[in-house]
Full PDB file with SEQRES, HELIX, SHEET, SSBOND, CRYST1, ORIGX, SCALE, CONECT and MASTER records, all heavy atoms in Angstrom:
SEQRES   1 A   41  LEU ASN ILE THR ASP CYS SER ALA GLY TYR LYS LEU TYR          
SEQRES   2 A   41  ASP VAL PHE GLU LYS GLU PHE VAL GLY GLU PHE GLN SER          
SEQRES   3 A   41  ASN THR PRO ILE ASN LEU LYS LEU ASN PRO THR GLY ALA          
SEQRES   4 A   41  VAL MET                                                      
SHEET    1 AA1 2 TYR A  10  ASP A  14  0                                        
SHEET    2 AA1 2 GLU A  19  PHE A  24 -1                                        
CRYST1    1.000    1.000    1.000  90.00  90.00  90.00 P 1           1          
ORIGX1      1.000000  0.000000  0.000000        0.00000                         
ORIGX2      0.000000  1.000000  0.000000        0.00000                         
ORIGX3      0.000000  0.000000  1.000000        0.00000                         
SCALE1      1.000000  0.000000  0.000000        0.00000                         
SCALE2      0.000000  1.000000  0.000000        0.00000                         
SCALE3      0.000000  0.000000  1.000000        0.00000                         
ATOM      1  N   LEU A   1       6.712  -7.797   0.828  1.00  0.00           N  
ATOM      2  CA  LEU A   1       5.447  -8.530   0.871  1.00  0.00           C  
ATOM      3  C   LEU A   1       5.365  -9.609  -0.204  1.00  0.00           C  
ATOM      4  O   LEU A   1       4.348 -10.303  -0.316  1.00  0.00           O  
ATOM      5  CB  LEU A   1       4.271  -7.556   0.701  1.00  0.00           C  
ATOM      6  CG  LEU A   1       4.092  -6.528   1.825  1.00  0.00           C  
ATOM      7  CD1 LEU A   1       3.070  -5.478   1.416  1.00  0.00           C  
ATOM      8  CD2 LEU A   1       3.661  -7.218   3.122  1.00  0.00           C  
ATOM      9  N   ASN A   2       6.437  -9.742  -0.991  1.00  0.00           N  
ATOM     10  CA  ASN A   2       6.489 -10.725  -2.078  1.00  0.00           C  
ATOM     11  C   ASN A   2       5.379 -10.488  -3.102  1.00  0.00           C  
ATOM     12  O   ASN A   2       4.742 -11.418  -3.601  1.00  0.00           O  
ATOM     13  CB  ASN A   2       6.417 -12.150  -1.529  1.00  0.00           C  
ATOM     14  CG  ASN A   2       6.887 -13.182  -2.549  1.00  0.00           C  
ATOM     15  OD1 ASN A   2       7.689 -12.885  -3.434  1.00  0.00           O  
ATOM     16  ND2 ASN A   2       6.378 -14.399  -2.432  1.00  0.00           N  
ATOM     17  N   ILE A   3       5.161  -9.206  -3.418  1.00  0.00           N  
ATOM     18  CA  ILE A   3       4.217  -8.821  -4.477  1.00  0.00           C  
ATOM     19  C   ILE A   3       5.042  -8.165  -5.576  1.00  0.00           C  
ATOM     20  O   ILE A   3       5.288  -6.954  -5.572  1.00  0.00           O  
ATOM     21  CB  ILE A   3       3.143  -7.863  -3.930  1.00  0.00           C  
ATOM     22  CG1 ILE A   3       2.361  -8.530  -2.789  1.00  0.00           C  
ATOM     23  CG2 ILE A   3       2.191  -7.431  -5.045  1.00  0.00           C  
ATOM     24  CD1 ILE A   3       1.338  -7.637  -2.126  1.00  0.00           C  
ATOM     25  N   THR A   4       5.514  -8.975  -6.489  1.00  0.00           N  
ATOM     26  CA  THR A   4       6.472  -8.502  -7.501  1.00  0.00           C  
ATOM     27  C   THR A   4       6.162  -9.039  -8.890  1.00  0.00           C  
ATOM     28  O   THR A   4       7.011  -8.983  -9.779  1.00  0.00           O  
ATOM     29  CB  THR A   4       7.903  -8.912  -7.107  1.00  0.00           C  
ATOM     30  OG1 THR A   4       7.970 -10.335  -6.965  1.00  0.00           O  
ATOM     31  CG2 THR A   4       8.311  -8.262  -5.788  1.00  0.00           C  
ATOM     32  N   ASP A   5       4.959  -9.569  -9.094  1.00  0.00           N  
ATOM     33  CA  ASP A   5       4.645 -10.204 -10.377  1.00  0.00           C  
ATOM     34  C   ASP A   5       4.624  -9.200 -11.524  1.00  0.00           C  
ATOM     35  O   ASP A   5       5.000  -9.522 -12.649  1.00  0.00           O  
ATOM     36  CB  ASP A   5       3.279 -10.896 -10.302  1.00  0.00           C  
ATOM     37  CG  ASP A   5       3.186 -11.874  -9.142  1.00  0.00           C  
ATOM     38  OD1 ASP A   5       4.188 -12.539  -8.866  1.00  0.00           O  
ATOM     39  OD2 ASP A   5       2.113 -11.948  -8.514  1.00  0.00           O  
ATOM     40  N   CYS A   6       4.159  -7.987 -11.252  1.00  0.00           N  
ATOM     41  CA  CYS A   6       3.994  -6.983 -12.301  1.00  0.00           C  
ATOM     42  C   CYS A   6       5.209  -6.044 -12.316  1.00  0.00           C  
ATOM     43  O   CYS A   6       5.385  -5.235 -11.395  1.00  0.00           O  
ATOM     44  CB  CYS A   6       2.706  -6.191 -12.075  1.00  0.00           C  
ATOM     45  SG  CYS A   6       2.413  -4.933 -13.328  1.00  0.00           S  
ATOM     46  N   SER A   7       6.011  -6.143 -13.348  1.00  0.00           N  
ATOM     47  CA  SER A   7       7.240  -5.343 -13.406  1.00  0.00           C  
ATOM     48  C   SER A   7       6.959  -3.851 -13.550  1.00  0.00           C  
ATOM     49  O   SER A   7       7.782  -3.016 -13.174  1.00  0.00           O  
ATOM     50  CB  SER A   7       8.115  -5.813 -14.572  1.00  0.00           C  
ATOM     51  OG  SER A   7       7.410  -5.701 -15.801  1.00  0.00           O  
ATOM     52  N   ALA A   8       5.772  -3.513 -14.072  1.00  0.00           N  
ATOM     53  CA  ALA A   8       5.417  -2.105 -14.246  1.00  0.00           C  
ATOM     54  C   ALA A   8       5.040  -1.433 -12.932  1.00  0.00           C  
ATOM     55  O   ALA A   8       4.982  -0.209 -12.858  1.00  0.00           O  
ATOM     56  CB  ALA A   8       4.277  -1.966 -15.254  1.00  0.00           C  
ATOM     57  N   GLY A   9       4.778  -2.230 -11.909  1.00  0.00           N  
ATOM     58  CA  GLY A   9       4.411  -1.686 -10.616  1.00  0.00           C  
ATOM     59  C   GLY A   9       2.933  -1.842 -10.314  1.00  0.00           C  
ATOM     60  O   GLY A   9       2.171  -2.440 -11.084  1.00  0.00           O  
ATOM     61  N   TYR A  10       2.533  -1.261  -9.190  1.00  0.00           N  
ATOM     62  CA  TYR A  10       1.177  -1.446  -8.683  1.00  0.00           C  
ATOM     63  C   TYR A  10       0.598  -0.118  -8.207  1.00  0.00           C  
ATOM     64  O   TYR A  10       1.331   0.793  -7.811  1.00  0.00           O  
ATOM     65  CB  TYR A  10       1.174  -2.422  -7.502  1.00  0.00           C  
ATOM     66  CG  TYR A  10       1.514  -3.849  -7.870  1.00  0.00           C  
ATOM     67  CD1 TYR A  10       2.843  -4.249  -8.021  1.00  0.00           C  
ATOM     68  CD2 TYR A  10       0.516  -4.799  -8.070  1.00  0.00           C  
ATOM     69  CE1 TYR A  10       3.163  -5.555  -8.351  1.00  0.00           C  
ATOM     70  CE2 TYR A  10       0.825  -6.109  -8.397  1.00  0.00           C  
ATOM     71  CZ  TYR A  10       2.148  -6.478  -8.536  1.00  0.00           C  
ATOM     72  OH  TYR A  10       2.458  -7.770  -8.872  1.00  0.00           O  
ATOM     73  N   LYS A  11      -0.721  -0.051  -8.228  1.00  0.00           N  
ATOM     74  CA  LYS A  11      -1.447   1.046  -7.625  1.00  0.00           C  
ATOM     75  C   LYS A  11      -2.005   0.586  -6.287  1.00  0.00           C  
ATOM     76  O   LYS A  11      -2.540  -0.517  -6.175  1.00  0.00           O  
ATOM     77  CB  LYS A  11      -2.585   1.524  -8.529  1.00  0.00           C  
ATOM     78  CG  LYS A  11      -2.091   2.196  -9.814  1.00  0.00           C  
ATOM     79  CD  LYS A  11      -3.247   2.767 -10.620  1.00  0.00           C  
ATOM     80  CE  LYS A  11      -2.731   3.527 -11.844  1.00  0.00           C  
ATOM     81  NZ  LYS A  11      -3.826   4.153 -12.619  1.00  0.00           N  
ATOM     82  N   LEU A  12      -1.880   1.441  -5.267  1.00  0.00           N  
ATOM     83  CA  LEU A  12      -2.330   1.111  -3.925  1.00  0.00           C  
ATOM     84  C   LEU A  12      -3.479   2.019  -3.503  1.00  0.00           C  
ATOM     85  O   LEU A  12      -3.458   3.228  -3.776  1.00  0.00           O  
ATOM     86  CB  LEU A  12      -1.188   1.251  -2.911  1.00  0.00           C  
ATOM     87  CG  LEU A  12      -0.303   0.015  -2.672  1.00  0.00           C  
ATOM     88  CD1 LEU A  12       0.420  -0.401  -3.936  1.00  0.00           C  
ATOM     89  CD2 LEU A  12       0.663   0.266  -1.530  1.00  0.00           C  
ATOM     90  N   TYR A  13      -4.457   1.409  -2.829  1.00  0.00           N  
ATOM     91  CA  TYR A  13      -5.620   2.139  -2.336  1.00  0.00           C  
ATOM     92  C   TYR A  13      -5.823   1.805  -0.861  1.00  0.00           C  
ATOM     93  O   TYR A  13      -5.738   0.648  -0.450  1.00  0.00           O  
ATOM     94  CB  TYR A  13      -6.890   1.747  -3.116  1.00  0.00           C  
ATOM     95  CG  TYR A  13      -6.790   2.019  -4.599  1.00  0.00           C  
ATOM     96  CD1 TYR A  13      -6.176   1.102  -5.453  1.00  0.00           C  
ATOM     97  CD2 TYR A  13      -7.308   3.186  -5.146  1.00  0.00           C  
ATOM     98  CE1 TYR A  13      -6.076   1.344  -6.814  1.00  0.00           C  
ATOM     99  CE2 TYR A  13      -7.215   3.438  -6.512  1.00  0.00           C  
ATOM    100  CZ  TYR A  13      -6.591   2.513  -7.343  1.00  0.00           C  
ATOM    101  OH  TYR A  13      -6.493   2.740  -8.690  1.00  0.00           O  
ATOM    102  N   ASP A  14      -6.098   2.823  -0.067  1.00  0.00           N  
ATOM    103  CA  ASP A  14      -6.457   2.628   1.332  1.00  0.00           C  
ATOM    104  C   ASP A  14      -7.957   2.354   1.388  1.00  0.00           C  
ATOM    105  O   ASP A  14      -8.782   3.215   1.051  1.00  0.00           O  
ATOM    106  CB  ASP A  14      -6.103   3.863   2.155  1.00  0.00           C  
ATOM    107  CG  ASP A  14      -6.312   3.662   3.641  1.00  0.00           C  
ATOM    108  OD1 ASP A  14      -7.407   3.212   4.035  1.00  0.00           O  
ATOM    109  OD2 ASP A  14      -5.381   3.962   4.430  1.00  0.00           O  
ATOM    110  N   VAL A  15      -8.324   1.152   1.836  1.00  0.00           N  
ATOM    111  CA  VAL A  15      -9.713   0.704   1.735  1.00  0.00           C  
ATOM    112  C   VAL A  15     -10.643   1.550   2.591  1.00  0.00           C  
ATOM    113  O   VAL A  15     -11.695   2.009   2.118  1.00  0.00           O  
ATOM    114  CB  VAL A  15      -9.816  -0.782   2.118  1.00  0.00           C  
ATOM    115  CG1 VAL A  15     -11.278  -1.231   2.184  1.00  0.00           C  
ATOM    116  CG2 VAL A  15      -9.036  -1.647   1.116  1.00  0.00           C  
ATOM    117  N   PHE A  16     -10.299   1.786   3.848  1.00  0.00           N  
ATOM    118  CA  PHE A  16     -11.225   2.481   4.745  1.00  0.00           C  
ATOM    119  C   PHE A  16     -11.158   3.997   4.612  1.00  0.00           C  
ATOM    120  O   PHE A  16     -12.160   4.689   4.824  1.00  0.00           O  
ATOM    121  CB  PHE A  16     -10.984   2.053   6.189  1.00  0.00           C  
ATOM    122  CG  PHE A  16     -11.353   0.608   6.432  1.00  0.00           C  
ATOM    123  CD1 PHE A  16     -10.388  -0.312   6.809  1.00  0.00           C  
ATOM    124  CD2 PHE A  16     -12.657   0.174   6.259  1.00  0.00           C  
ATOM    125  CE1 PHE A  16     -10.724  -1.645   7.024  1.00  0.00           C  
ATOM    126  CE2 PHE A  16     -13.000  -1.155   6.464  1.00  0.00           C  
ATOM    127  CZ  PHE A  16     -12.034  -2.064   6.849  1.00  0.00           C  
ATOM    128  N   GLU A  17     -10.007   4.521   4.249  1.00  0.00           N  
ATOM    129  CA  GLU A  17      -9.928   5.958   3.982  1.00  0.00           C  
ATOM    130  C   GLU A  17     -10.467   6.304   2.600  1.00  0.00           C  
ATOM    131  O   GLU A  17     -10.674   7.473   2.278  1.00  0.00           O  
ATOM    132  CB  GLU A  17      -8.485   6.432   4.108  1.00  0.00           C  
ATOM    133  CG  GLU A  17      -7.921   6.352   5.519  1.00  0.00           C  
ATOM    134  CD  GLU A  17      -8.697   7.194   6.503  1.00  0.00           C  
ATOM    135  OE1 GLU A  17      -9.113   8.311   6.139  1.00  0.00           O  
ATOM    136  OE2 GLU A  17      -8.891   6.726   7.650  1.00  0.00           O  
ATOM    137  N   LYS A  18     -10.650   5.283   1.755  1.00  0.00           N  
ATOM    138  CA  LYS A  18     -11.170   5.451   0.388  1.00  0.00           C  
ATOM    139  C   LYS A  18     -10.295   6.415  -0.405  1.00  0.00           C  
ATOM    140  O   LYS A  18     -10.786   7.317  -1.087  1.00  0.00           O  
ATOM    141  CB  LYS A  18     -12.622   5.930   0.419  1.00  0.00           C  
ATOM    142  CG  LYS A  18     -13.558   4.965   1.145  1.00  0.00           C  
ATOM    143  CD  LYS A  18     -14.996   5.473   1.164  1.00  0.00           C  
ATOM    144  CE  LYS A  18     -15.900   4.516   1.907  1.00  0.00           C  
ATOM    145  NZ  LYS A  18     -17.296   4.968   1.970  1.00  0.00           N  
ATOM    146  N   GLU A  19      -8.977   6.190  -0.298  1.00  0.00           N  
ATOM    147  CA  GLU A  19      -8.011   7.070  -0.949  1.00  0.00           C  
ATOM    148  C   GLU A  19      -7.065   6.275  -1.834  1.00  0.00           C  
ATOM    149  O   GLU A  19      -6.676   5.153  -1.505  1.00  0.00           O  
ATOM    150  CB  GLU A  19      -7.181   7.817   0.102  1.00  0.00           C  
ATOM    151  CG  GLU A  19      -7.943   8.829   0.910  1.00  0.00           C  
ATOM    152  CD  GLU A  19      -7.068   9.518   1.955  1.00  0.00           C  
ATOM    153  OE1 GLU A  19      -5.923   9.075   2.156  1.00  0.00           O  
ATOM    154  OE2 GLU A  19      -7.533  10.499   2.540  1.00  0.00           O  
ATOM    155  N   PHE A  20      -6.698   6.888  -2.952  1.00  0.00           N  
ATOM    156  CA  PHE A  20      -5.621   6.360  -3.786  1.00  0.00           C  
ATOM    157  C   PHE A  20      -4.300   6.762  -3.139  1.00  0.00           C  
ATOM    158  O   PHE A  20      -4.037   7.951  -2.919  1.00  0.00           O  
ATOM    159  CB  PHE A  20      -5.731   6.924  -5.201  1.00  0.00           C  
ATOM    160  CG  PHE A  20      -4.565   6.586  -6.083  1.00  0.00           C  
ATOM    161  CD1 PHE A  20      -4.218   5.273  -6.349  1.00  0.00           C  
ATOM    162  CD2 PHE A  20      -3.803   7.599  -6.654  1.00  0.00           C  
ATOM    163  CE1 PHE A  20      -3.135   4.972  -7.173  1.00  0.00           C  
ATOM    164  CE2 PHE A  20      -2.724   7.308  -7.474  1.00  0.00           C  
ATOM    165  CZ  PHE A  20      -2.393   5.988  -7.733  1.00  0.00           C  
ATOM    166  N   VAL A  21      -3.474   5.766  -2.807  1.00  0.00           N  
ATOM    167  CA  VAL A  21      -2.224   6.037  -2.106  1.00  0.00           C  
ATOM    168  C   VAL A  21      -1.114   6.412  -3.068  1.00  0.00           C  
ATOM    169  O   VAL A  21      -0.275   7.271  -2.785  1.00  0.00           O  
ATOM    170  CB  VAL A  21      -1.812   4.819  -1.251  1.00  0.00           C  
ATOM    171  CG1 VAL A  21      -0.499   5.079  -0.513  1.00  0.00           C  
ATOM    172  CG2 VAL A  21      -2.917   4.472  -0.258  1.00  0.00           C  
ATOM    173  N   GLY A  22      -1.080   5.761  -4.248  1.00  0.00           N  
ATOM    174  CA  GLY A  22      -0.056   6.073  -5.233  1.00  0.00           C  
ATOM    175  C   GLY A  22       0.392   4.844  -5.992  1.00  0.00           C  
ATOM    176  O   GLY A  22      -0.114   3.733  -5.791  1.00  0.00           O  
ATOM    177  N   GLU A  23       1.352   5.069  -6.912  1.00  0.00           N  
ATOM    178  CA  GLU A  23       1.949   3.973  -7.681  1.00  0.00           C  
ATOM    179  C   GLU A  23       3.265   3.572  -7.030  1.00  0.00           C  
ATOM    180  O   GLU A  23       4.065   4.431  -6.652  1.00  0.00           O  
ATOM    181  CB  GLU A  23       2.157   4.393  -9.132  1.00  0.00           C  
ATOM    182  CG  GLU A  23       0.852   4.688  -9.862  1.00  0.00           C  
ATOM    183  CD  GLU A  23       1.060   5.005 -11.345  1.00  0.00           C  
ATOM    184  OE1 GLU A  23       2.245   5.060 -11.787  1.00  0.00           O  
ATOM    185  OE2 GLU A  23       0.060   5.197 -12.043  1.00  0.00           O  
ATOM    186  N   PHE A  24       3.485   2.253  -6.926  1.00  0.00           N  
ATOM    187  CA  PHE A  24       4.626   1.741  -6.178  1.00  0.00           C  
ATOM    188  C   PHE A  24       5.365   0.680  -6.985  1.00  0.00           C  
ATOM    189  O   PHE A  24       4.745  -0.166  -7.638  1.00  0.00           O  
ATOM    190  CB  PHE A  24       4.170   1.122  -4.848  1.00  0.00           C  
ATOM    191  CG  PHE A  24       3.704   2.144  -3.839  1.00  0.00           C  
ATOM    192  CD1 PHE A  24       2.468   2.768  -3.973  1.00  0.00           C  
ATOM    193  CD2 PHE A  24       4.496   2.472  -2.749  1.00  0.00           C  
ATOM    194  CE1 PHE A  24       2.036   3.696  -3.046  1.00  0.00           C  
ATOM    195  CE2 PHE A  24       4.074   3.405  -1.813  1.00  0.00           C  
ATOM    196  CZ  PHE A  24       2.849   4.022  -1.964  1.00  0.00           C  
ATOM    197  N   GLN A  25       6.689   0.751  -6.940  1.00  0.00           N  
ATOM    198  CA  GLN A  25       7.544  -0.312  -7.442  1.00  0.00           C  
ATOM    199  C   GLN A  25       7.897  -1.250  -6.290  1.00  0.00           C  
ATOM    200  O   GLN A  25       7.540  -1.004  -5.124  1.00  0.00           O  
ATOM    201  CB  GLN A  25       8.807   0.279  -8.070  1.00  0.00           C  
ATOM    202  CG  GLN A  25       8.551   1.269  -9.190  1.00  0.00           C  
ATOM    203  CD  GLN A  25       7.835   0.644 -10.367  1.00  0.00           C  
ATOM    204  OE1 GLN A  25       8.188  -0.453 -10.806  1.00  0.00           O  
ATOM    205  NE2 GLN A  25       6.816   1.333 -10.884  1.00  0.00           N  
ATOM    206  N   SER A  26       8.622  -2.309  -6.577  1.00  0.00           N  
ATOM    207  CA  SER A  26       8.865  -3.332  -5.564  1.00  0.00           C  
ATOM    208  C   SER A  26       9.643  -2.798  -4.367  1.00  0.00           C  
ATOM    209  O   SER A  26       9.477  -3.289  -3.247  1.00  0.00           O  
ATOM    210  CB  SER A  26       9.606  -4.524  -6.187  1.00  0.00           C  
ATOM    211  OG  SER A  26      10.877  -4.115  -6.660  1.00  0.00           O  
ATOM    212  N   ASN A  27      10.502  -1.788  -4.587  1.00  0.00           N  
ATOM    213  CA  ASN A  27      11.324  -1.277  -3.483  1.00  0.00           C  
ATOM    214  C   ASN A  27      10.869   0.074  -2.954  1.00  0.00           C  
ATOM    215  O   ASN A  27      11.543   0.676  -2.110  1.00  0.00           O  
ATOM    216  CB  ASN A  27      12.788  -1.191  -3.916  1.00  0.00           C  
ATOM    217  CG  ASN A  27      12.974  -0.260  -5.108  1.00  0.00           C  
ATOM    218  OD1 ASN A  27      12.000   0.184  -5.710  1.00  0.00           O  
ATOM    219  ND2 ASN A  27      14.232   0.030  -5.437  1.00  0.00           N  
ATOM    220  N   THR A  28       9.720   0.587  -3.433  1.00  0.00           N  
ATOM    221  CA  THR A  28       9.214   1.867  -2.943  1.00  0.00           C  
ATOM    222  C   THR A  28       8.691   1.705  -1.518  1.00  0.00           C  
ATOM    223  O   THR A  28       7.864   0.826  -1.260  1.00  0.00           O  
ATOM    224  CB  THR A  28       8.069   2.382  -3.835  1.00  0.00           C  
ATOM    225  OG1 THR A  28       8.476   2.377  -5.197  1.00  0.00           O  
ATOM    226  CG2 THR A  28       7.644   3.781  -3.421  1.00  0.00           C  
ATOM    227  N   PRO A  29       9.130   2.514  -0.572  1.00  0.00           N  
ATOM    228  CA  PRO A  29       8.637   2.372   0.804  1.00  0.00           C  
ATOM    229  C   PRO A  29       7.134   2.648   0.900  1.00  0.00           C  
ATOM    230  O   PRO A  29       6.607   3.573   0.282  1.00  0.00           O  
ATOM    231  CB  PRO A  29       9.435   3.416   1.578  1.00  0.00           C  
ATOM    232  CG  PRO A  29      10.631   3.715   0.734  1.00  0.00           C  
ATOM    233  CD  PRO A  29      10.180   3.551  -0.683  1.00  0.00           C  
ATOM    234  N   ILE A  30       6.457   1.828   1.672  1.00  0.00           N  
ATOM    235  CA  ILE A  30       5.050   2.032   2.007  1.00  0.00           C  
ATOM    236  C   ILE A  30       5.006   2.386   3.488  1.00  0.00           C  
ATOM    237  O   ILE A  30       5.313   1.558   4.346  1.00  0.00           O  
ATOM    238  CB  ILE A  30       4.214   0.768   1.732  1.00  0.00           C  
ATOM    239  CG1 ILE A  30       4.339   0.336   0.265  1.00  0.00           C  
ATOM    240  CG2 ILE A  30       2.748   1.000   2.092  1.00  0.00           C  
ATOM    241  CD1 ILE A  30       3.710  -1.016  -0.023  1.00  0.00           C  
ATOM    242  N   ASN A  31       4.646   3.620   3.790  1.00  0.00           N  
ATOM    243  CA  ASN A  31       4.674   4.110   5.171  1.00  0.00           C  
ATOM    244  C   ASN A  31       3.254   4.194   5.729  1.00  0.00           C  
ATOM    245  O   ASN A  31       2.397   4.877   5.170  1.00  0.00           O  
ATOM    246  CB  ASN A  31       5.337   5.488   5.225  1.00  0.00           C  
ATOM    247  CG  ASN A  31       6.782   5.455   4.764  1.00  0.00           C  
ATOM    248  OD1 ASN A  31       7.576   4.637   5.257  1.00  0.00           O  
ATOM    249  ND2 ASN A  31       7.132   6.318   3.815  1.00  0.00           N  
ATOM    250  N   LEU A  32       3.023   3.500   6.840  1.00  0.00           N  
ATOM    251  CA  LEU A  32       1.706   3.454   7.451  1.00  0.00           C  
ATOM    252  C   LEU A  32       1.797   3.833   8.922  1.00  0.00           C  
ATOM    253  O   LEU A  32       2.861   3.735   9.535  1.00  0.00           O  
ATOM    254  CB  LEU A  32       1.118   2.039   7.343  1.00  0.00           C  
ATOM    255  CG  LEU A  32       0.999   1.427   5.945  1.00  0.00           C  
ATOM    256  CD1 LEU A  32       0.531  -0.015   6.047  1.00  0.00           C  
ATOM    257  CD2 LEU A  32       0.062   2.231   5.058  1.00  0.00           C  
ATOM    258  N   LYS A  33       0.645   4.248   9.475  1.00  0.00           N  
ATOM    259  CA  LYS A  33       0.518   4.428  10.908  1.00  0.00           C  
ATOM    260  C   LYS A  33      -0.694   3.638  11.384  1.00  0.00           C  
ATOM    261  O   LYS A  33      -1.791   3.778  10.818  1.00  0.00           O  
ATOM    262  CB  LYS A  33       0.374   5.903  11.278  1.00  0.00           C  
ATOM    263  CG  LYS A  33       1.705   6.620  11.431  1.00  0.00           C  
ATOM    264  CD  LYS A  33       1.538   7.933  12.173  1.00  0.00           C  
ATOM    265  CE  LYS A  33       2.921   8.551  12.449  1.00  0.00           C  
ATOM    266  NZ  LYS A  33       2.796   9.828  13.186  1.00  0.00           N  
ATOM    267  N   LEU A  34      -0.497   2.823  12.429  1.00  0.00           N  
ATOM    268  CA  LEU A  34      -1.538   1.939  12.914  1.00  0.00           C  
ATOM    269  C   LEU A  34      -2.013   2.392  14.285  1.00  0.00           C  
ATOM    270  O   LEU A  34      -1.246   2.400  15.251  1.00  0.00           O  
ATOM    271  CB  LEU A  34      -1.025   0.505  13.006  1.00  0.00           C  
ATOM    272  CG  LEU A  34      -0.838  -0.296  11.708  1.00  0.00           C  
ATOM    273  CD1 LEU A  34      -2.134  -0.410  10.944  1.00  0.00           C  
ATOM    274  CD2 LEU A  34       0.276   0.236  10.863  1.00  0.00           C  
ATOM    275  N   ASN A  35      -3.280   2.773  14.383  1.00  0.00           N  
ATOM    276  CA  ASN A  35      -3.843   3.142  15.667  1.00  0.00           C  
ATOM    277  C   ASN A  35      -3.960   1.916  16.574  1.00  0.00           C  
ATOM    278  O   ASN A  35      -4.074   0.787  16.091  1.00  0.00           O  
ATOM    279  CB  ASN A  35      -5.221   3.777  15.486  1.00  0.00           C  
ATOM    280  CG  ASN A  35      -5.145   5.115  14.790  1.00  0.00           C  
ATOM    281  OD1 ASN A  35      -4.127   5.810  14.871  1.00  0.00           O  
ATOM    282  ND2 ASN A  35      -6.216   5.488  14.099  1.00  0.00           N  
ATOM    283  N   PRO A  36      -3.940   2.094  17.881  1.00  0.00           N  
ATOM    284  CA  PRO A  36      -4.094   0.953  18.789  1.00  0.00           C  
ATOM    285  C   PRO A  36      -5.369   0.161  18.488  1.00  0.00           C  
ATOM    286  O   PRO A  36      -6.441   0.752  18.305  1.00  0.00           O  
ATOM    287  CB  PRO A  36      -4.162   1.605  20.171  1.00  0.00           C  
ATOM    288  CG  PRO A  36      -3.425   2.892  20.010  1.00  0.00           C  
ATOM    289  CD  PRO A  36      -3.734   3.359  18.618  1.00  0.00           C  
ATOM    290  N   THR A  37      -5.244  -1.146  18.430  1.00  0.00           N  
ATOM    291  CA  THR A  37      -6.299  -2.112  18.098  1.00  0.00           C  
ATOM    292  C   THR A  37      -6.941  -1.831  16.735  1.00  0.00           C  
ATOM    293  O   THR A  37      -8.034  -2.316  16.454  1.00  0.00           O  
ATOM    294  CB  THR A  37      -7.392  -2.188  19.187  1.00  0.00           C  
ATOM    295  OG1 THR A  37      -8.122  -0.946  19.242  1.00  0.00           O  
ATOM    296  CG2 THR A  37      -6.792  -2.505  20.544  1.00  0.00           C  
ATOM    297  N   GLY A  38      -6.254  -1.066  15.901  1.00  0.00           N  
ATOM    298  CA  GLY A  38      -6.771  -0.721  14.584  1.00  0.00           C  
ATOM    299  C   GLY A  38      -6.071  -1.474  13.474  1.00  0.00           C  
ATOM    300  O   GLY A  38      -5.112  -2.214  13.691  1.00  0.00           O  
ATOM    301  N   ALA A  39      -6.556  -1.274  12.278  1.00  0.00           N  
ATOM    302  CA  ALA A  39      -5.980  -1.936  11.106  1.00  0.00           C  
ATOM    303  C   ALA A  39      -6.026  -0.992   9.920  1.00  0.00           C  
ATOM    304  O   ALA A  39      -6.911  -0.134   9.813  1.00  0.00           O  
ATOM    305  CB  ALA A  39      -6.733  -3.221  10.778  1.00  0.00           C  
ATOM    306  N   VAL A  40      -5.055  -1.177   9.027  1.00  0.00           N  
ATOM    307  CA  VAL A  40      -5.075  -0.535   7.712  1.00  0.00           C  
ATOM    308  C   VAL A  40      -5.174  -1.652   6.686  1.00  0.00           C  
ATOM    309  O   VAL A  40      -4.435  -2.647   6.765  1.00  0.00           O  
ATOM    310  CB  VAL A  40      -3.811   0.309   7.466  1.00  0.00           C  
ATOM    311  CG1 VAL A  40      -3.762   0.789   6.023  1.00  0.00           C  
ATOM    312  CG2 VAL A  40      -3.772   1.501   8.428  1.00  0.00           C  
ATOM    313  N   MET A  41      -6.105  -1.512   5.746  1.00  0.00           N  
ATOM    314  CA  MET A  41      -6.216  -2.500   4.674  1.00  0.00           C  
ATOM    315  C   MET A  41      -5.923  -1.816   3.353  1.00  0.00           C  
ATOM    316  O   MET A  41      -6.489  -0.758   3.040  1.00  0.00           O  
ATOM    317  CB  MET A  41      -7.596  -3.160   4.645  1.00  0.00           C  
ATOM    318  CG  MET A  41      -7.690  -4.252   3.579  1.00  0.00           C  
ATOM    319  SD  MET A  41      -9.011  -5.479   3.836  1.00  0.00           S  
ATOM    320  CE  MET A  41     -10.464  -4.452   3.853  1.00  0.00           C  
TER     321      MET A  41                                                      
MASTER        0    0    0    0    2    0    0    6  320    1    0    4          
END                                                                             
């Protein structure tokens, strides 16, 4: 996603589930499931 400015990594939050997803480095896989006509933010 070309989000690599912070070498320490990033924290990710699922906006609609209102959940903390975890801490991620640039190469950490982000695994999502998308419902039909749905979105994850």
